C-alpha cells in the first residue's frame, strides 16, 4: 500500500492493496493478535474494501502494523490511474 502522504484515503484501492492488507491480517492472526472470528470478519471486509480508508481501518489497531505499512509509494502501471 502507498504511504498516507502519497495518497488520499478516499482513493480507490486496488486488488494488490486488498491482498496486502489481507496478508497483514493473516500474519496478525497467526501471531495471536486476532481471534479467528475477528480475523474472518476483517478479511471479508478487506476483500470488499473499495478505498484506502476502509483498508486502513481494518489494521489500524494492530500493534506493529503501522510500521509495516509505511515505506516508499508504489509505482502504478501506466494504464492505471
C-alpha atoms as a PDB file:
ATOM      1  CA  UNK A   1       0.000   0.000   0.000  1.00  0.00           C
ATOM      2  CA  UNK A   2       1.134   3.558  -0.520  1.00  0.00           C
ATOM      3  CA  UNK A   3       2.105   5.824   2.324  1.00  0.00           C
ATOM      4  CA  UNK A   4      -0.548   8.165   3.747  1.00  0.00           C
ATOM      5  CA  UNK A   5       1.354  11.214   2.476  1.00  0.00           C
ATOM      6  CA  UNK A   6       1.260   9.948  -1.098  1.00  0.00           C
ATOM      7  CA  UNK A   7      -2.456   9.232  -1.388  1.00  0.00           C
ATOM      8  CA  UNK A   8      -5.860  10.375  -0.313  1.00  0.00           C
ATOM      9  CA  UNK A   9      -7.747   7.932   1.926  1.00  0.00           C
ATOM     10  CA  UNK A  10     -10.828   8.117  -0.263  1.00  0.00           C
ATOM     11  CA  UNK A  11      -8.837   6.974  -3.302  1.00  0.00           C
ATOM     12  CA  UNK A  12      -9.912   3.627  -4.701  1.00  0.00           C
ATOM     13  CA  UNK A  13      -7.787   0.724  -3.561  1.00  0.00           C
ATOM     14  CA  UNK A  14      -6.632  -1.931  -5.983  1.00  0.00           C
ATOM     15  CA  UNK A  15      -6.548  -5.694  -5.735  1.00  0.00           C
ATOM     16  CA  UNK A  16      -2.890  -5.613  -4.713  1.00  0.00           C
ATOM     17  CA  UNK A  17      -3.720  -3.250  -1.837  1.00  0.00           C
ATOM     18  CA  UNK A  18      -6.509  -5.540  -0.635  1.00  0.00           C
ATOM     19  CA  UNK A  19      -4.217  -8.571  -0.830  1.00  0.00           C
ATOM     20  CA  UNK A  20      -1.505  -6.763   1.127  1.00  0.00           C
ATOM     21  CA  UNK A  21      -3.916  -5.928   3.963  1.00  0.00           C
ATOM     22  CA  UNK A  22      -5.265  -9.488   3.901  1.00  0.00           C
ATOM     23  CA  UNK A  23      -1.692 -10.754   4.359  1.00  0.00           C
ATOM     24  CA  UNK A  24      -1.159  -8.361   7.291  1.00  0.00           C
ATOM     25  CA  UNK A  25      -4.345  -9.645   8.903  1.00  0.00           C
ATOM     26  CA  UNK A  26      -3.260 -13.249   8.307  1.00  0.00           C
ATOM     27  CA  UNK A  27       0.096 -12.540   9.941  1.00  0.00           C
ATOM     28  CA  UNK A  28      -1.620 -10.886  12.912  1.00  0.00           C
ATOM     29  CA  UNK A  29      -3.939 -13.873  13.347  1.00  0.00           C
ATOM     30  CA  UNK A  30      -1.008 -16.283  13.141  1.00  0.00           C
ATOM     31  CA  UNK A  31       0.733 -14.283  15.880  1.00  0.00           C
ATOM     32  CA  UNK A  32      -2.355 -14.455  18.089  1.00  0.00           C
ATOM     33  CA  UNK A  33      -3.261 -10.774  17.738  1.00  0.00           C
ATOM     34  CA  UNK A  34      -6.686 -11.591  16.287  1.00  0.00           C
ATOM     35  CA  UNK A  35      -9.185 -14.246  17.286  1.00  0.00           C
ATOM     36  CA  UNK A  36     -10.397 -16.450  14.428  1.00  0.00           C
ATOM     37  CA  UNK A  37     -13.868 -14.845  14.233  1.00  0.00           C
ATOM     38  CA  UNK A  38     -12.408 -11.316  14.198  1.00  0.00           C
ATOM     39  CA  UNK A  39      -9.847 -12.341  11.582  1.00  0.00           C
ATOM     40  CA  UNK A  40     -12.526 -13.800   9.316  1.00  0.00           C
ATOM     41  CA  UNK A  41     -14.714 -10.704   9.656  1.00  0.00           C
ATOM     42  CA  UNK A  42     -11.835  -8.341   8.868  1.00  0.00           C
ATOM     43  CA  UNK A  43     -10.652 -10.500   5.984  1.00  0.00           C
ATOM     44  CA  UNK A  44     -14.109 -10.392   4.415  1.00  0.00           C
ATOM     45  CA  UNK A  45     -14.132  -6.598   4.785  1.00  0.00           C
ATOM     46  CA  UNK A  46     -10.620  -6.321   3.335  1.00  0.00           C
ATOM     47  CA  UNK A  47     -11.597  -8.112   0.132  1.00  0.00           C
ATOM     48  CA  UNK A  48     -14.760  -5.978  -0.150  1.00  0.00           C
ATOM     49  CA  UNK A  49     -12.996  -2.663   0.564  1.00  0.00           C
ATOM     50  CA  UNK A  50     -13.205  -0.021  -2.121  1.00  0.00           C
ATOM     51  CA  UNK A  51     -10.975   2.722  -0.654  1.00  0.00           C
ATOM     52  CA  UNK A  52      -7.706   3.065   1.239  1.00  0.00           C
ATOM     53  CA  UNK A  53      -9.651   4.453   4.224  1.00  0.00           C
ATOM     54  CA  UNK A  54     -11.575   1.199   4.507  1.00  0.00           C
ATOM     55  CA  UNK A  55      -8.375  -0.839   4.334  1.00  0.00           C
ATOM     56  CA  UNK A  56      -6.530   1.368   6.823  1.00  0.00           C
ATOM     57  CA  UNK A  57      -9.287   0.979   9.433  1.00  0.00           C
ATOM     58  CA  UNK A  58      -9.014  -2.823   9.308  1.00  0.00           C
ATOM     59  CA  UNK A  59      -5.452  -2.931  10.624  1.00  0.00           C
ATOM     60  CA  UNK A  60      -5.098   0.409  12.440  1.00  0.00           C
ATOM     61  CA  UNK A  61      -5.448  -1.110  15.919  1.00  0.00           C
ATOM     62  CA  UNK A  62      -2.946  -3.915  15.411  1.00  0.00           C
ATOM     63  CA  UNK A  63       0.470  -3.375  17.029  1.00  0.00           C
ATOM     64  CA  UNK A  64       3.352  -3.204  14.572  1.00  0.00           C
ATOM     65  CA  UNK A  65       1.148  -2.813  11.509  1.00  0.00           C
ATOM     66  CA  UNK A  66       1.702   0.936  11.087  1.00  0.00           C
ATOM     67  CA  UNK A  67       5.443   0.390  10.669  1.00  0.00           C
ATOM     68  CA  UNK A  68       4.851  -2.342   8.098  1.00  0.00           C
ATOM     69  CA  UNK A  69       2.533  -0.102   6.060  1.00  0.00           C
ATOM     70  CA  UNK A  70       4.989   2.764   5.774  1.00  0.00           C
ATOM     71  CA  UNK A  71       7.559   2.958   3.028  1.00  0.00           C
ATOM     72  CA  UNK A  72       8.000   4.446  -0.392  1.00  0.00           C
ATOM     73  CA  UNK A  73       4.901   4.827  -2.553  1.00  0.00           C
ATOM     74  CA  UNK A  74       4.369   2.040  -5.032  1.00  0.00           C
ATOM     75  CA  UNK A  75       4.546   2.862  -8.696  1.00  0.00           C
ATOM     76  CA  UNK A  76       1.426   2.191 -10.637  1.00  0.00           C
ATOM     77  CA  UNK A  77       1.442   0.907 -14.153  1.00  0.00           C
ATOM     78  CA  UNK A  78       0.906   3.392 -16.962  1.00  0.00           C
ATOM     79  CA  UNK A  79      -2.562   2.032 -17.800  1.00  0.00           C
ATOM     80  CA  UNK A  80      -3.912   2.551 -14.270  1.00  0.00           C
ATOM     81  CA  UNK A  81      -4.663   5.923 -12.813  1.00  0.00           C
END
